[in-house]
Amino acid sequence: MATAFRQCSRALRPCQILRVPRVAKPLCTSHRLLSTLEDPPKGNQPRTPSRGPPAPPPQESESLSQNTGSPTYLATTKRMPEFNLTDRVILISGGARGLGLTQAEALLEAGATVYALDRLPEPSTDFYRVQKRAAQELGTTLHYRQIDVRDVESLNKIVEDIGDTHGRLDGLIAAAAVQQETPALDYAAKDANMMLEVNITGVFMAAQAAAKQMIKFGNGGSIALIASMSAHVANRGLICPVYNASKAGVLQLARNLAAEWGASGIRVNTISPGYIVTKMVVDLFVQYPEREEDWPKQNMLGRLSRPDEYRGAAVFLMSPASSFMTASDLRMDGGHTAW
C-alpha cells in the first residue's frame, strides 16, 4: 500500500498537487471597516454602489416566481414595491399637527392621497408646508377636514364623502386623543368621561366609519390605532390613570375589530409609542424639569423619541408590506416596557 502511494506521488508533479487559484489578499478587519465608511451616504439617502452585481438571467427570475408562487421583482427597476401607496386614499384623525401630521407626510412621500381630520378650526402652520410640498414635489394631495370625532353623524358624512369622491378608501390612522394629568383621587367624572369618549369611543367611531367605506368598495384596507406604551405599564412619575386605561382599551378594541373585519380584508393593528418630544412635552419639561432628566433613563436607548421615528411604522402598516399582520401591536418605546 505504501509503495503504491509513493508511485502515485511520483507520478504527479508538485505543482499539480499544490496549485490553487491566485486570489487577492483579503483585507484585514480594520481595512474592511474603513472601506465601508468611504463616501458615506448623505442624510437618510441609501448607499448606491457604483457597480452592482449583474442581474440574474430572465429565466432565473421566472423560475423563482413559479417555484414560490409569488411575484418576484428581480431584474426589474422596482424596489420594495410593497411599500408603494400610489393611488391609495388614507385618513388620519388628529392629523393637523404633531405625530399625525408627521405620519401624513410619510404617507404622502409613499404616494398616498391623505385626508387629515382634526377638531382645530385651522390646522397648524406646518400643515400648509406639507400640503404645498405634496402638490409641488410629491405629485399627490393633502386635504383638511375639521371634525370632532365625538360628532359621529358628521364624522360618518365626511368619511362617506371622501370615499365617494375617490371611489375607494384604503386606510385610517386613528391618532386623535387627549391627555390629562390628574391624581386618581381628584379626577372628576366629567373629565374621565370626556377622555374615554375621545380616546376610545372616538377611535372606535373613526374606525367604524372607515370600515363601512372599505366594505362598500370591496377593496379591504388597513386601520392603525395609536395606542401607547402606557397601555402596557403604569408610567413612573406620571399620574394619568384614565389616559393609561383608555390606551389599554385601544389595544383590546383593535383585537376585536380585527377579528370581526378580517373576513372583509380589513386589517386592524396598533402602534404603541414611547415618550415623544413634542411641543406639549417640551412645555411639560418647563413645569417639571426633573422629567427631562429622568424619562430618558427609563428606556434602553437612554433618550426620548422624535415624531419622525414613527414615519416608517405608518407606511408599513398602511401598505401591503404588512399584509399578513392584524390584531398586533407595534411597540416602539425604546425598550421602556421590556426591562
Protein backbone atom coordinates (compact mmCIF):
# COMPACT_ATOMS: atom_id res chain seq x y z
CA MET A 1 0.00 0.00 0.00
CA ALA A 2 2.84 2.37 0.93
CA THR A 3 4.67 1.51 -2.30
CA ALA A 4 1.59 2.30 -4.36
CA PHE A 5 1.23 5.67 -2.62
CA ARG A 6 4.89 6.57 -3.34
CA GLN A 7 4.45 5.63 -7.00
CA CYS A 8 1.30 7.73 -7.21
CA SER A 9 3.02 10.71 -5.59
CA ARG A 10 5.98 10.46 -8.01
CA ALA A 11 3.59 10.37 -10.94
CA LEU A 12 2.26 13.82 -10.06
CA ARG A 13 4.38 16.93 -10.16
CA PRO A 14 4.26 19.13 -7.06
CA CYS A 15 2.61 21.93 -8.98
CA GLN A 16 -0.27 19.64 -9.84
CA ILE A 17 -0.85 18.78 -6.19
CA LEU A 18 -0.42 22.25 -4.67
CA ARG A 19 -1.63 24.55 -7.39
CA VAL A 20 -4.54 26.77 -6.26
CA PRO A 21 -6.09 29.79 -7.95
CA ARG A 22 -4.35 33.04 -7.05
CA VAL A 23 -6.74 35.43 -5.27
CA ALA A 24 -6.32 38.91 -3.97
CA LYS A 25 -5.09 39.08 -0.39
CA PRO A 26 -8.10 39.62 1.85
CA LEU A 27 -8.38 42.90 3.68
CA CYS A 28 -7.83 42.84 7.41
CA THR A 29 -10.78 43.71 9.61
CA SER A 30 -9.81 47.36 10.04
CA HIS A 31 -9.37 47.85 6.29
CA ARG A 32 -12.74 46.23 5.60
CA LEU A 33 -14.37 48.61 8.09
CA LEU A 34 -12.69 51.64 6.56
CA SER A 35 -13.75 50.57 3.08
CA THR A 36 -17.39 50.50 4.15
CA LEU A 37 -17.12 54.01 5.57
CA GLU A 38 -15.76 55.62 2.41
CA ASP A 39 -18.15 58.02 0.71
CA PRO A 40 -20.88 57.71 3.35
CA PRO A 41 -24.42 58.44 2.16
CA LYS A 42 -25.75 61.90 2.81
CA GLY A 43 -28.68 62.34 5.17
CA ASN A 44 -31.07 59.42 5.02
CA GLN A 45 -30.22 58.53 1.43
CA PRO A 46 -29.34 54.84 0.96
CA ARG A 47 -25.89 53.96 -0.31
CA THR A 48 -25.87 53.49 -4.08
CA PRO A 49 -22.96 51.32 -5.24
CA SER A 50 -21.19 52.47 -8.40
CA ARG A 51 -21.39 48.97 -9.81
CA GLY A 52 -23.79 46.38 -8.50
CA PRO A 53 -23.90 42.65 -9.14
CA PRO A 54 -25.12 41.52 -12.54
CA ALA A 55 -28.86 40.97 -12.84
CA PRO A 56 -29.94 37.33 -12.91
CA PRO A 57 -30.96 35.94 -16.29
CA PRO A 58 -34.68 36.24 -17.06
CA GLN A 59 -35.28 32.51 -16.79
CA GLU A 60 -33.98 32.56 -13.20
CA SER A 61 -36.49 35.22 -12.19
CA GLU A 62 -39.29 33.38 -13.93
CA SER A 63 -38.46 30.08 -12.28
CA LEU A 64 -38.26 31.73 -8.87
CA SER A 65 -41.72 33.19 -9.34
CA GLN A 66 -43.09 29.82 -10.40
CA ASN A 67 -41.45 27.97 -7.53
CA THR A 68 -42.57 30.32 -4.76
CA GLY A 69 -45.99 31.09 -6.15
CA SER A 70 -45.43 34.81 -5.52
CA PRO A 71 -44.25 37.62 -7.82
CA THR A 72 -40.57 38.49 -7.91
CA TYR A 73 -39.03 41.82 -8.82
CA LEU A 74 -35.52 40.59 -9.60
CA ALA A 75 -34.09 42.02 -12.82
CA THR A 76 -36.58 44.88 -12.76
CA THR A 77 -36.37 48.52 -11.79
CA LYS A 78 -38.88 48.08 -8.93
CA ARG A 79 -37.57 48.33 -5.40
CA MET A 80 -39.69 47.40 -2.37
CA PRO A 81 -42.96 47.87 -4.29
CA GLU A 82 -44.95 46.60 -1.32
CA PHE A 83 -44.39 49.98 0.35
CA ASN A 84 -45.84 51.87 -2.62
CA LEU A 85 -49.06 53.72 -1.71
CA THR A 86 -49.75 55.38 -5.06
CA ASP A 87 -53.50 55.89 -5.62
CA ARG A 88 -54.31 54.84 -2.04
CA VAL A 89 -56.63 57.10 -0.04
CA ILE A 90 -55.81 57.31 3.66
CA LEU A 91 -57.36 59.22 6.58
CA ILE A 92 -55.56 60.41 9.71
CA SER A 93 -57.65 61.58 12.64
CA GLY A 94 -55.69 64.07 14.71
CA GLY A 95 -53.63 64.73 11.59
CA ALA A 96 -53.42 68.53 11.69
CA ARG A 97 -50.28 68.63 13.81
CA GLY A 98 -47.75 66.62 15.81
CA LEU A 99 -47.36 62.90 15.26
CA GLY A 100 -50.40 62.68 12.98
CA LEU A 101 -49.03 65.29 10.58
CA THR A 102 -45.56 63.74 10.62
CA GLN A 103 -47.03 60.39 9.62
CA ALA A 104 -49.20 62.09 7.00
CA GLU A 105 -46.10 63.46 5.30
CA ALA A 106 -44.55 59.98 5.21
CA LEU A 107 -47.69 58.56 3.57
CA LEU A 108 -47.61 61.37 1.01
CA GLU A 109 -44.00 60.52 0.20
CA ALA A 110 -45.10 56.93 -0.42
CA GLY A 111 -47.67 58.21 -2.94
CA ALA A 112 -50.92 58.27 -0.96
CA THR A 113 -53.67 60.86 -1.06
CA VAL A 114 -54.15 61.88 2.57
CA TYR A 115 -57.01 63.50 4.46
CA ALA A 116 -56.25 64.97 7.87
CA LEU A 117 -59.25 65.04 10.20
CA ASP A 118 -58.98 67.25 13.28
CA ARG A 119 -61.12 69.40 15.56
CA LEU A 120 -58.93 72.51 15.11
CA PRO A 121 -60.65 75.36 13.20
CA GLU A 122 -57.40 75.69 11.26
CA PRO A 123 -54.53 73.18 11.01
CA SER A 124 -51.07 74.09 12.27
CA THR A 125 -48.83 76.30 10.14
CA ASP A 126 -46.63 73.28 9.39
CA PHE A 127 -49.64 71.61 7.77
CA TYR A 128 -49.51 74.11 4.90
CA ARG A 129 -45.82 73.42 4.33
CA VAL A 130 -46.57 69.70 3.99
CA GLN A 131 -49.61 70.41 1.79
CA LYS A 132 -47.53 72.59 -0.54
CA ARG A 133 -44.75 70.00 -0.71
CA ALA A 134 -47.26 67.27 -1.55
CA ALA A 135 -48.54 69.24 -4.54
CA GLN A 136 -45.23 70.59 -5.83
CA GLU A 137 -42.75 67.81 -5.07
CA LEU A 138 -44.63 64.59 -4.46
CA GLY A 139 -47.41 64.72 -7.05
CA THR A 140 -50.16 64.00 -4.55
CA THR A 141 -52.51 65.90 -2.24
CA LEU A 142 -53.09 66.60 1.45
CA HIS A 143 -56.57 67.72 2.48
CA TYR A 144 -58.06 69.01 5.72
CA ARG A 145 -61.48 68.31 7.18
CA GLN A 146 -62.50 69.83 10.50
CA ILE A 147 -64.31 67.31 12.67
CA ASP A 148 -64.52 66.32 16.33
CA VAL A 149 -64.53 62.52 16.46
CA ARG A 150 -67.30 62.72 19.09
CA ASP A 151 -69.64 64.14 16.43
CA VAL A 152 -70.40 60.73 14.95
CA GLU A 153 -73.03 61.83 12.42
CA SER A 154 -70.75 64.45 10.86
CA LEU A 155 -67.79 62.08 11.03
CA ASN A 156 -69.64 59.44 9.02
CA LYS A 157 -70.77 62.02 6.48
CA ILE A 158 -67.24 63.33 5.91
CA VAL A 159 -65.73 59.85 5.57
CA GLU A 160 -68.51 58.78 3.20
CA ASP A 161 -67.97 61.88 1.03
CA ILE A 162 -64.25 61.17 0.82
CA GLY A 163 -64.92 57.58 -0.22
CA ASP A 164 -67.44 58.60 -2.86
CA THR A 165 -65.10 61.27 -4.23
CA HIS A 166 -62.33 58.75 -4.89
CA GLY A 167 -64.34 55.58 -5.27
CA ARG A 168 -62.26 53.92 -2.58
CA LEU A 169 -60.90 54.18 0.95
CA ASP A 170 -57.77 52.26 1.81
CA GLY A 171 -56.55 53.25 5.24
CA LEU A 172 -57.03 55.05 8.53
CA ILE A 173 -54.60 56.08 11.24
CA ALA A 174 -56.60 57.00 14.35
CA ALA A 175 -54.31 59.37 16.23
CA ALA A 176 -56.83 61.76 17.81
CA ALA A 177 -56.52 61.68 21.61
CA VAL A 178 -56.43 63.91 24.68
CA GLN A 179 -54.35 63.71 27.83
CA GLN A 180 -54.93 64.91 31.37
CA GLU A 181 -52.59 64.51 34.30
CA THR A 182 -54.64 64.31 37.49
CA PRO A 183 -54.31 62.12 40.59
CA ALA A 184 -56.96 59.41 40.73
CA LEU A 185 -58.47 60.78 43.95
CA ASP A 186 -59.02 64.17 42.32
CA TYR A 187 -60.44 63.05 38.96
CA ALA A 188 -63.88 64.42 38.15
CA ALA A 189 -66.33 62.09 36.43
CA LYS A 190 -66.94 64.56 33.58
CA ASP A 191 -63.19 64.73 32.87
CA ALA A 192 -62.87 60.95 32.89
CA ASN A 193 -65.89 60.56 30.63
CA MET A 194 -64.57 63.15 28.17
CA MET A 195 -61.21 61.41 27.90
CA LEU A 196 -62.77 57.98 27.40
CA GLU A 197 -65.18 59.44 24.84
CA VAL A 198 -62.33 60.83 22.73
CA ASN A 199 -59.66 58.19 23.29
CA ILE A 200 -61.82 55.07 22.98
CA THR A 201 -65.27 55.89 21.61
CA GLY A 202 -63.88 58.45 19.16
CA VAL A 203 -61.25 56.00 17.95
CA PHE A 204 -63.91 53.30 17.62
CA MET A 205 -66.27 55.55 15.63
CA ALA A 206 -63.48 56.69 13.29
CA ALA A 207 -62.54 53.06 12.64
CA GLN A 208 -66.18 52.13 12.12
CA ALA A 209 -66.74 54.96 9.63
CA ALA A 210 -63.65 53.94 7.65
CA ALA A 211 -64.54 50.23 7.72
CA LYS A 212 -68.02 50.92 6.32
CA GLN A 213 -66.47 52.54 3.25
CA MET A 214 -63.83 49.83 2.85
CA ILE A 215 -66.54 47.18 2.89
CA LYS A 216 -68.70 49.17 0.48
CA PHE A 217 -65.93 49.37 -2.12
CA GLY A 218 -64.78 45.80 -1.52
CA ASN A 219 -61.06 46.51 -1.56
CA GLY A 220 -60.32 45.78 2.09
CA GLY A 221 -57.99 48.14 3.88
CA SER A 222 -55.74 48.79 6.85
CA ILE A 223 -56.53 50.57 10.12
CA ALA A 224 -53.90 51.56 12.67
CA LEU A 225 -54.94 52.83 16.08
CA ILE A 226 -52.42 54.87 18.05
CA ALA A 227 -52.12 53.30 21.49
CA SER A 228 -49.19 53.91 23.85
CA MET A 229 -46.58 52.16 25.92
CA SER A 230 -48.83 53.43 28.74
CA ALA A 231 -51.28 50.75 27.65
CA HIS A 232 -48.77 48.18 28.89
CA VAL A 233 -47.34 49.75 32.06
CA ALA A 234 -48.07 52.41 34.65
CA ASN A 235 -45.79 55.37 33.97
CA ARG A 236 -43.39 56.05 36.78
CA GLY A 237 -43.80 59.63 37.97
CA LEU A 238 -46.63 60.44 35.55
CA ILE A 239 -50.10 60.49 37.09
CA CYS A 240 -52.60 59.77 34.32
CA PRO A 241 -54.81 56.81 35.29
CA VAL A 242 -57.64 57.47 32.83
CA TYR A 243 -55.34 58.10 29.87
CA ASN A 244 -53.47 54.85 30.53
CA ALA A 245 -56.73 52.96 30.88
CA SER A 246 -58.01 54.44 27.62
CA LYS A 247 -54.90 53.35 25.73
CA ALA A 248 -55.17 49.84 27.14
CA GLY A 249 -58.74 49.87 25.85
CA VAL A 250 -57.45 50.78 22.38
CA LEU A 251 -55.35 47.60 22.31
CA GLN A 252 -58.33 45.39 23.11
CA LEU A 253 -60.56 47.33 20.72
CA ALA A 254 -58.13 46.68 17.87
CA ARG A 255 -58.06 42.94 18.52
CA ASN A 256 -61.83 42.71 18.44
CA LEU A 257 -62.21 44.84 15.31
CA ALA A 258 -59.56 42.73 13.59
CA ALA A 259 -61.49 39.59 14.48
CA GLU A 260 -64.76 40.95 13.08
CA TRP A 261 -63.47 42.66 9.95
CA GLY A 262 -60.76 40.26 8.84
CA ALA A 263 -63.22 38.39 6.64
CA SER A 264 -63.71 41.63 4.70
CA GLY A 265 -59.99 42.02 4.12
CA ILE A 266 -59.61 44.77 6.73
CA ARG A 267 -56.56 44.59 8.98
CA VAL A 268 -56.54 46.39 12.34
CA ASN A 269 -53.31 46.96 14.30
CA THR A 270 -51.97 49.35 16.92
CA ILE A 271 -48.81 51.40 17.42
CA SER A 272 -47.59 51.89 20.98
CA PRO A 273 -45.12 54.80 21.04
CA GLY A 274 -42.87 55.69 23.94
CA TYR A 275 -42.30 59.24 25.12
CA ILE A 276 -42.16 61.57 22.11
CA VAL A 277 -40.54 65.00 22.20
CA THR A 278 -43.39 67.21 21.01
CA LYS A 279 -44.20 70.82 21.88
CA MET A 280 -46.53 69.57 24.60
CA VAL A 281 -43.74 67.52 26.19
CA VAL A 282 -41.25 70.37 25.93
CA ASP A 283 -43.73 72.64 27.72
CA LEU A 284 -44.18 69.91 30.33
CA PHE A 285 -40.44 69.89 30.98
CA VAL A 286 -40.62 73.59 31.87
CA GLN A 287 -43.14 72.75 34.57
CA TYR A 288 -41.40 69.51 35.65
CA PRO A 289 -37.67 69.88 34.79
CA GLU A 290 -36.78 66.64 36.60
CA ARG A 291 -38.68 64.67 33.95
CA GLU A 292 -36.39 65.86 31.19
CA GLU A 293 -33.51 64.17 33.01
CA ASP A 294 -35.47 61.22 34.35
CA TRP A 295 -37.51 59.96 31.39
CA PRO A 296 -34.61 59.14 29.04
CA LYS A 297 -33.09 56.93 31.73
CA GLN A 298 -36.20 54.76 31.82
CA ASN A 299 -35.64 53.09 28.45
CA MET A 300 -32.83 51.03 26.97
CA LEU A 301 -31.69 53.64 24.44
CA GLY A 302 -31.30 56.38 27.03
CA ARG A 303 -33.18 59.04 25.07
CA LEU A 304 -36.66 60.13 24.08
CA SER A 305 -38.12 59.56 20.63
CA ARG A 306 -38.88 62.07 17.87
CA PRO A 307 -42.11 62.19 15.84
CA ASP A 308 -40.23 61.35 12.63
CA GLU A 309 -39.16 58.00 14.09
CA TYR A 310 -42.74 56.77 13.61
CA ARG A 311 -42.91 57.60 9.90
CA GLY A 312 -41.85 54.14 8.78
CA ALA A 313 -44.39 52.47 11.04
CA ALA A 314 -47.21 54.43 9.40
CA VAL A 315 -46.14 53.46 5.88
CA PHE A 316 -45.54 49.84 6.90
CA LEU A 317 -48.98 49.38 8.46
CA MET A 318 -50.85 51.19 5.68
CA SER A 319 -49.09 49.30 2.89
CA PRO A 320 -49.06 45.73 1.56
CA ALA A 321 -45.74 45.32 3.38
CA SER A 322 -47.81 44.34 6.44
CA SER A 323 -50.41 42.35 4.51
CA PHE A 324 -50.40 39.37 6.91
CA MET A 325 -50.33 41.46 10.09
CA THR A 326 -53.51 42.09 12.04
CA ALA A 327 -54.59 42.23 15.71
CA SER A 328 -50.97 43.06 16.55
CA ASP A 329 -49.31 45.85 18.49
CA LEU A 330 -46.20 47.55 17.12
CA ARG A 331 -44.49 48.64 20.33
CA MET A 332 -41.92 51.38 19.72
CA ASP A 333 -40.79 52.53 23.14
CA GLY A 334 -37.00 52.25 23.12
CA GLY A 335 -37.31 49.14 25.27
CA HIS A 336 -39.07 51.02 28.07
CA THR A 337 -41.54 48.22 28.81
CA ALA A 338 -39.04 45.38 28.29
CA TRP A 339 -36.95 45.92 31.42
